[in-house]
Amino acid sequence: MTQKVYTDADLFNREILRQTYEDITTIQDCLSDNLVRLYDSIVLVLDVFYAEDEGEELGRPSNNKVIQTIYHLAGHKQRASLMSKLE
């Protein structure tokens, strides 16, 4: 897949950069494994960020941060968008 990839993630942060590369590979592999062919005009947009772990959401204090990715496959010509989340 030679799609264009856009992100505003902090790529100077080594962990964020590593996760971004890993997520791009995961998405490419998934598309390839499922024989999905995208138009050349489709772009991959990644939002890679630190999020609180689930323990804090359940009311338990936590200092643990996890990296979370939300991605979109957007086709401007097709006026279509697919959004999903990787954890």
N, C-alpha and C. Protein backbone atom coordinates (compact mmCIF):
# COMPACT_ATOMS: atom_id res chain seq x y z
N MET A 1 0.86 -1.18 0.00
CA MET A 1 0.00 0.00 0.00
C MET A 1 0.90 1.23 0.00
N THR A 2 0.69 2.10 -0.92
CA THR A 2 1.48 3.32 -0.99
C THR A 2 0.60 4.53 -0.74
N GLN A 3 -0.37 4.36 0.11
CA GLN A 3 -1.30 5.44 0.42
C GLN A 3 -0.57 6.57 1.15
N LYS A 4 -1.15 7.74 1.08
CA LYS A 4 -0.64 8.87 1.85
C LYS A 4 -1.13 8.72 3.29
N VAL A 5 -0.24 9.07 4.23
CA VAL A 5 -0.57 8.98 5.65
C VAL A 5 -0.40 10.36 6.27
N TYR A 6 -1.41 10.80 7.00
CA TYR A 6 -1.37 12.08 7.68
C TYR A 6 -1.55 11.86 9.18
N THR A 7 -0.83 12.66 9.96
CA THR A 7 -0.99 12.61 11.41
C THR A 7 -0.51 13.92 12.01
N ASP A 8 -1.04 14.25 13.17
CA ASP A 8 -0.50 15.39 13.92
C ASP A 8 0.10 14.88 15.23
N ALA A 9 0.37 13.56 15.27
CA ALA A 9 0.98 12.94 16.46
C ALA A 9 2.38 13.50 16.69
N ASP A 10 2.83 13.44 17.93
CA ASP A 10 4.16 13.91 18.30
C ASP A 10 5.19 12.86 17.90
N LEU A 11 5.67 12.93 16.65
CA LEU A 11 6.59 11.93 16.14
C LEU A 11 8.00 12.08 16.68
N PHE A 12 8.24 13.13 17.48
CA PHE A 12 9.52 13.27 18.17
C PHE A 12 9.55 12.39 19.43
N ASN A 13 8.38 11.94 19.87
CA ASN A 13 8.27 11.02 20.99
C ASN A 13 8.50 9.61 20.45
N ARG A 14 9.55 8.94 20.93
CA ARG A 14 9.93 7.63 20.38
C ARG A 14 8.81 6.59 20.46
N GLU A 15 8.10 6.57 21.57
CA GLU A 15 7.01 5.59 21.74
C GLU A 15 5.86 5.88 20.78
N ILE A 16 5.54 7.14 20.62
CA ILE A 16 4.46 7.51 19.68
C ILE A 16 4.89 7.16 18.25
N LEU A 17 6.14 7.46 17.90
CA LEU A 17 6.64 7.14 16.56
C LEU A 17 6.61 5.63 16.31
N ARG A 18 7.09 4.86 17.30
CA ARG A 18 7.09 3.40 17.17
C ARG A 18 5.66 2.87 16.97
N GLN A 19 4.73 3.39 17.78
CA GLN A 19 3.34 2.95 17.67
C GLN A 19 2.74 3.34 16.33
N THR A 20 3.09 4.51 15.84
CA THR A 20 2.58 4.97 14.55
C THR A 20 3.02 4.03 13.43
N TYR A 21 4.31 3.68 13.40
CA TYR A 21 4.80 2.74 12.39
C TYR A 21 4.12 1.38 12.53
N GLU A 22 3.96 0.93 13.77
CA GLU A 22 3.32 -0.36 14.00
C GLU A 22 1.87 -0.35 13.51
N ASP A 23 1.17 0.73 13.78
CA ASP A 23 -0.23 0.83 13.36
C ASP A 23 -0.37 0.89 11.84
N ILE A 24 0.53 1.62 11.18
CA ILE A 24 0.50 1.67 9.72
C ILE A 24 0.69 0.27 9.15
N THR A 25 1.65 -0.47 9.70
CA THR A 25 1.89 -1.83 9.24
C THR A 25 0.68 -2.73 9.48
N THR A 26 0.07 -2.61 10.65
CA THR A 26 -1.12 -3.41 10.98
C THR A 26 -2.25 -3.13 10.00
N ILE A 27 -2.48 -1.87 9.71
CA ILE A 27 -3.56 -1.50 8.79
C ILE A 27 -3.25 -2.00 7.38
N GLN A 28 -2.01 -1.82 6.93
CA GLN A 28 -1.62 -2.30 5.61
C GLN A 28 -1.77 -3.81 5.50
N ASP A 29 -1.33 -4.54 6.53
CA ASP A 29 -1.44 -5.99 6.53
C ASP A 29 -2.90 -6.44 6.50
N CYS A 30 -3.73 -5.78 7.26
CA CYS A 30 -5.16 -6.12 7.30
C CYS A 30 -5.81 -5.92 5.93
N LEU A 31 -5.51 -4.80 5.30
CA LEU A 31 -6.05 -4.54 3.96
C LEU A 31 -5.55 -5.58 2.97
N SER A 32 -4.27 -5.87 3.02
CA SER A 32 -3.68 -6.84 2.10
C SER A 32 -4.23 -8.24 2.33
N ASP A 33 -4.30 -8.67 3.60
CA ASP A 33 -4.79 -10.01 3.93
C ASP A 33 -6.24 -10.21 3.48
N ASN A 34 -7.00 -9.13 3.47
CA ASN A 34 -8.41 -9.21 3.09
C ASN A 34 -8.65 -8.78 1.64
N LEU A 35 -7.55 -8.67 0.89
CA LEU A 35 -7.61 -8.34 -0.54
C LEU A 35 -8.39 -7.05 -0.82
N VAL A 36 -8.22 -6.07 0.06
CA VAL A 36 -8.88 -4.78 -0.11
C VAL A 36 -7.97 -3.88 -0.93
N ARG A 37 -8.48 -3.39 -2.03
CA ARG A 37 -7.74 -2.47 -2.90
C ARG A 37 -8.38 -1.10 -2.76
N LEU A 38 -7.57 -0.12 -2.35
CA LEU A 38 -8.09 1.24 -2.17
C LEU A 38 -7.75 2.10 -3.38
N TYR A 39 -8.62 3.05 -3.66
CA TYR A 39 -8.33 4.03 -4.71
C TYR A 39 -7.07 4.81 -4.31
N ASP A 40 -6.34 5.29 -5.30
CA ASP A 40 -5.14 6.08 -5.03
C ASP A 40 -5.45 7.37 -4.29
N SER A 41 -6.68 7.83 -4.38
CA SER A 41 -7.06 9.09 -3.73
C SER A 41 -7.40 8.92 -2.25
N ILE A 42 -7.43 7.67 -1.77
CA ILE A 42 -7.73 7.41 -0.36
C ILE A 42 -6.51 7.77 0.49
N VAL A 43 -6.75 8.44 1.61
CA VAL A 43 -5.66 8.79 2.54
C VAL A 43 -5.95 8.15 3.89
N LEU A 44 -4.86 7.83 4.58
CA LEU A 44 -4.95 7.27 5.93
C LEU A 44 -4.61 8.39 6.90
N VAL A 45 -5.50 8.65 7.84
CA VAL A 45 -5.30 9.69 8.84
C VAL A 45 -5.22 9.01 10.21
N LEU A 46 -4.11 9.23 10.92
CA LEU A 46 -3.90 8.61 12.22
C LEU A 46 -3.89 9.65 13.32
N ASP A 47 -4.57 9.33 14.41
CA ASP A 47 -4.51 10.14 15.63
C ASP A 47 -3.92 9.21 16.69
N VAL A 48 -2.65 9.41 17.03
CA VAL A 48 -1.94 8.55 17.97
C VAL A 48 -1.62 9.39 19.20
N PHE A 49 -2.07 8.94 20.39
CA PHE A 49 -1.95 9.78 21.58
C PHE A 49 -1.93 8.92 22.83
N TYR A 50 -1.48 9.53 23.93
CA TYR A 50 -1.53 8.88 25.23
C TYR A 50 -2.92 9.05 25.82
N ALA A 51 -3.45 7.96 26.37
CA ALA A 51 -4.76 7.99 27.02
C ALA A 51 -4.62 7.34 28.39
N GLU A 52 -5.52 7.66 29.29
CA GLU A 52 -5.53 7.02 30.61
C GLU A 52 -5.89 5.56 30.44
N ASP A 53 -5.33 4.69 31.29
CA ASP A 53 -5.73 3.30 31.19
C ASP A 53 -7.13 3.13 31.77
N GLU A 54 -7.72 1.97 31.54
CA GLU A 54 -9.11 1.74 31.91
C GLU A 54 -9.34 1.75 33.41
N GLY A 55 -8.31 1.52 34.21
CA GLY A 55 -8.47 1.52 35.66
C GLY A 55 -8.99 2.84 36.19
N GLU A 56 -8.49 3.94 35.63
CA GLU A 56 -8.94 5.25 36.09
C GLU A 56 -10.39 5.49 35.72
N GLU A 57 -10.81 4.99 34.56
CA GLU A 57 -12.20 5.15 34.16
C GLU A 57 -13.14 4.44 35.12
N LEU A 58 -12.64 3.40 35.78
CA LEU A 58 -13.46 2.63 36.72
C LEU A 58 -13.40 3.20 38.13
N GLY A 59 -12.80 4.37 38.28
CA GLY A 59 -12.76 5.02 39.58
C GLY A 59 -11.52 4.74 40.38
N ARG A 60 -10.61 3.93 39.87
CA ARG A 60 -9.35 3.65 40.57
C ARG A 60 -8.29 4.62 40.08
N PRO A 61 -7.53 5.23 40.96
CA PRO A 61 -6.47 6.12 40.51
C PRO A 61 -5.41 5.35 39.75
N SER A 62 -4.86 5.96 38.71
CA SER A 62 -3.85 5.30 37.91
C SER A 62 -2.91 6.33 37.30
N ASN A 63 -1.63 6.02 37.30
CA ASN A 63 -0.65 6.86 36.64
C ASN A 63 -0.22 6.25 35.31
N ASN A 64 -0.83 5.15 34.93
CA ASN A 64 -0.46 4.46 33.70
C ASN A 64 -1.10 5.14 32.50
N LYS A 65 -0.30 5.37 31.50
CA LYS A 65 -0.78 5.92 30.24
C LYS A 65 -0.61 4.84 29.18
N VAL A 66 -1.57 4.71 28.32
CA VAL A 66 -1.49 3.77 27.21
C VAL A 66 -1.57 4.57 25.92
N ILE A 67 -0.95 4.06 24.89
CA ILE A 67 -1.03 4.73 23.59
C ILE A 67 -2.24 4.19 22.86
N GLN A 68 -3.03 5.09 22.34
CA GLN A 68 -4.25 4.73 21.62
C GLN A 68 -4.19 5.34 20.23
N THR A 69 -4.75 4.65 19.27
CA THR A 69 -4.78 5.14 17.90
C THR A 69 -6.20 5.12 17.37
N ILE A 70 -6.59 6.20 16.79
CA ILE A 70 -7.85 6.28 16.04
C ILE A 70 -7.44 6.56 14.60
N TYR A 71 -8.03 5.83 13.67
CA TYR A 71 -7.64 6.06 12.28
C TYR A 71 -8.86 6.24 11.39
N HIS A 72 -8.65 6.96 10.31
CA HIS A 72 -9.68 7.20 9.30
C HIS A 72 -9.08 6.85 7.95
N LEU A 73 -9.86 6.22 7.11
CA LEU A 73 -9.55 6.10 5.70
C LEU A 73 -10.51 7.03 5.00
N ALA A 74 -9.99 8.06 4.39
CA ALA A 74 -10.86 9.08 3.80
C ALA A 74 -10.63 9.16 2.31
N GLY A 75 -11.73 9.23 1.59
CA GLY A 75 -11.68 9.40 0.14
C GLY A 75 -12.36 10.70 -0.22
N HIS A 76 -11.57 11.69 -0.59
CA HIS A 76 -12.15 13.00 -0.88
C HIS A 76 -12.96 12.97 -2.17
N LYS A 77 -12.48 12.25 -3.18
CA LYS A 77 -13.24 12.13 -4.42
C LYS A 77 -14.55 11.39 -4.18
N GLN A 78 -14.46 10.32 -3.39
CA GLN A 78 -15.64 9.49 -3.13
C GLN A 78 -16.51 10.08 -2.02
N ARG A 79 -15.98 11.07 -1.32
CA ARG A 79 -16.67 11.69 -0.19
C ARG A 79 -17.10 10.63 0.82
N ALA A 80 -16.14 9.76 1.14
CA ALA A 80 -16.40 8.67 2.07
C ALA A 80 -15.36 8.67 3.15
N SER A 81 -15.74 8.13 4.31
CA SER A 81 -14.79 8.04 5.42
C SER A 81 -15.10 6.80 6.24
N LEU A 82 -14.07 6.13 6.68
CA LEU A 82 -14.19 4.99 7.58
C LEU A 82 -13.33 5.30 8.79
N MET A 83 -13.90 5.17 9.96
CA MET A 83 -13.15 5.46 11.19
C MET A 83 -13.14 4.23 12.07
N SER A 84 -12.02 3.99 12.73
CA SER A 84 -11.92 2.90 13.67
C SER A 84 -10.87 3.22 14.72
N LYS A 85 -10.76 2.34 15.71
CA LYS A 85 -9.82 2.57 16.82
C LYS A 85 -8.97 1.33 16.99
N LEU A 86 -7.67 1.53 17.20
CA LEU A 86 -6.75 0.44 17.51
C LEU A 86 -6.32 0.59 18.96
N GLU A 87 -6.25 -0.52 19.69
CA GLU A 87 -5.75 -0.47 21.07
C GLU A 87 -4.74 -1.56 21.27
